[in-house]
């Protein structure tokens, strides 16, 4: 199967965006979890 270079480039760029978005989502979830944990610990004292 042959792909045009620009098609290959577009696919690579798309994949890169997916990875970045996935990474951002994971980072946000981790940050949110950390904040929630901090709030819970703060409230219990």
N, C-alpha and C. Protein backbone atom coordinates (compact mmCIF):
# COMPACT_ATOMS: atom_id res chain seq x y z
N UNK A 1 0.84 -1.19 0.00
CA UNK A 1 0.00 0.00 0.00
C UNK A 1 0.88 1.25 0.00
N UNK A 2 0.59 2.15 -0.91
CA UNK A 2 1.37 3.37 -1.00
C UNK A 2 0.57 4.57 -0.52
N UNK A 3 1.19 5.38 0.32
CA UNK A 3 0.55 6.62 0.78
C UNK A 3 1.37 7.80 0.27
N UNK A 4 0.67 8.81 -0.17
CA UNK A 4 1.36 10.03 -0.57
C UNK A 4 2.05 10.64 0.64
N UNK A 5 3.21 11.23 0.44
CA UNK A 5 3.93 11.86 1.56
C UNK A 5 3.08 12.83 2.37
N UNK A 6 2.27 13.66 1.67
CA UNK A 6 1.44 14.62 2.41
C UNK A 6 0.34 13.92 3.20
N UNK A 7 -0.15 12.78 2.69
CA UNK A 7 -1.15 12.00 3.40
C UNK A 7 -0.52 11.42 4.67
N UNK A 8 0.69 10.89 4.51
CA UNK A 8 1.44 10.33 5.62
C UNK A 8 1.70 11.41 6.67
N UNK A 9 2.07 12.59 6.20
CA UNK A 9 2.33 13.72 7.09
C UNK A 9 1.06 14.12 7.85
N UNK A 10 -0.07 14.15 7.15
CA UNK A 10 -1.34 14.50 7.78
C UNK A 10 -1.71 13.49 8.85
N UNK A 11 -1.51 12.21 8.56
CA UNK A 11 -1.81 11.16 9.53
C UNK A 11 -0.92 11.27 10.75
N UNK A 12 0.36 11.54 10.52
CA UNK A 12 1.31 11.67 11.62
C UNK A 12 0.94 12.86 12.50
N UNK A 13 0.56 13.96 11.87
CA UNK A 13 0.17 15.17 12.61
C UNK A 13 -1.08 14.90 13.45
N UNK A 14 -2.04 14.21 12.84
CA UNK A 14 -3.29 13.86 13.53
C UNK A 14 -3.00 12.99 14.75
N UNK A 15 -2.14 12.01 14.56
CA UNK A 15 -1.77 11.10 15.64
C UNK A 15 -1.08 11.88 16.76
N UNK A 16 -0.23 12.81 16.37
CA UNK A 16 0.50 13.63 17.34
C UNK A 16 -0.49 14.43 18.18
N UNK A 17 -1.50 15.00 17.52
CA UNK A 17 -2.53 15.77 18.23
C UNK A 17 -3.29 14.88 19.21
N UNK A 18 -3.60 13.66 18.79
CA UNK A 18 -4.30 12.71 19.66
C UNK A 18 -3.48 12.42 20.90
N UNK A 19 -2.19 12.18 20.71
CA UNK A 19 -1.30 11.88 21.83
C UNK A 19 -1.21 13.06 22.79
N UNK A 20 -1.11 14.26 22.24
CA UNK A 20 -1.03 15.47 23.06
C UNK A 20 -2.32 15.64 23.85
N UNK A 21 -3.45 15.47 23.18
CA UNK A 21 -4.75 15.61 23.84
C UNK A 21 -4.91 14.58 24.95
N UNK A 22 -4.48 13.36 24.68
CA UNK A 22 -4.55 12.28 25.67
C UNK A 22 -3.69 12.62 26.88
N UNK A 23 -2.51 13.14 26.61
CA UNK A 23 -1.58 13.52 27.67
C UNK A 23 -2.15 14.67 28.51
N UNK A 24 -2.75 15.64 27.83
CA UNK A 24 -3.38 16.77 28.53
C UNK A 24 -4.48 16.28 29.45
N UNK A 25 -5.31 15.38 28.93
CA UNK A 25 -6.44 14.86 29.70
C UNK A 25 -5.93 14.14 30.95
N UNK A 26 -4.90 13.33 30.77
CA UNK A 26 -4.33 12.58 31.90
C UNK A 26 -3.77 13.56 32.94
N UNK A 27 -3.12 14.60 32.46
CA UNK A 27 -2.51 15.60 33.34
C UNK A 27 -3.60 16.33 34.13
N UNK A 28 -4.69 16.69 33.45
CA UNK A 28 -5.79 17.40 34.11
C UNK A 28 -6.44 16.51 35.16
N UNK A 29 -6.64 15.24 34.83
CA UNK A 29 -7.25 14.31 35.78
C UNK A 29 -6.38 14.16 37.02
N UNK A 30 -5.09 14.04 36.80
CA UNK A 30 -4.15 13.89 37.90
C UNK A 30 -4.16 15.13 38.78
N UNK A 31 -4.17 16.30 38.16
CA UNK A 31 -4.19 17.56 38.90
C UNK A 31 -5.49 17.67 39.70
N UNK A 32 -6.60 17.34 39.07
CA UNK A 32 -7.91 17.42 39.74
C UNK A 32 -7.96 16.48 40.94
N UNK A 33 -7.42 15.30 40.77
CA UNK A 33 -7.41 14.31 41.84
C UNK A 33 -6.58 14.82 43.00
N UNK A 34 -5.43 15.42 42.69
CA UNK A 34 -4.54 15.95 43.71
C UNK A 34 -5.22 17.08 44.48
N UNK A 35 -5.91 17.95 43.77
CA UNK A 35 -6.62 19.08 44.41
C UNK A 35 -7.72 18.55 45.31
N UNK A 36 -8.48 17.58 44.81
CA UNK A 36 -9.58 17.01 45.59
C UNK A 36 -9.05 16.38 46.87
N UNK A 37 -7.92 15.67 46.74
CA UNK A 37 -7.31 15.01 47.89
C UNK A 37 -6.85 16.06 48.90
N UNK A 38 -6.24 17.14 48.40
CA UNK A 38 -5.76 18.22 49.27
C UNK A 38 -6.95 18.87 50.00
N UNK A 39 -8.04 19.09 49.28
CA UNK A 39 -9.22 19.70 49.89
C UNK A 39 -9.81 18.81 50.97
N UNK A 40 -9.86 17.53 50.70
CA UNK A 40 -10.40 16.58 51.66
C UNK A 40 -9.55 16.58 52.93
N UNK A 41 -8.24 16.56 52.76
CA UNK A 41 -7.32 16.55 53.90
C UNK A 41 -7.44 17.85 54.68
N UNK A 42 -7.61 18.94 53.98
CA UNK A 42 -7.71 20.26 54.61
C UNK A 42 -8.99 20.37 55.43
N UNK A 43 -10.09 19.85 54.90
CA UNK A 43 -11.38 19.96 55.57
C UNK A 43 -11.46 19.10 56.83
N UNK A 44 -10.77 17.98 56.85
CA UNK A 44 -10.87 17.06 57.98
C UNK A 44 -10.15 17.57 59.24
N UNK A 45 -9.33 18.61 59.10
CA UNK A 45 -8.58 19.13 60.27
C UNK A 45 -9.31 20.27 60.95
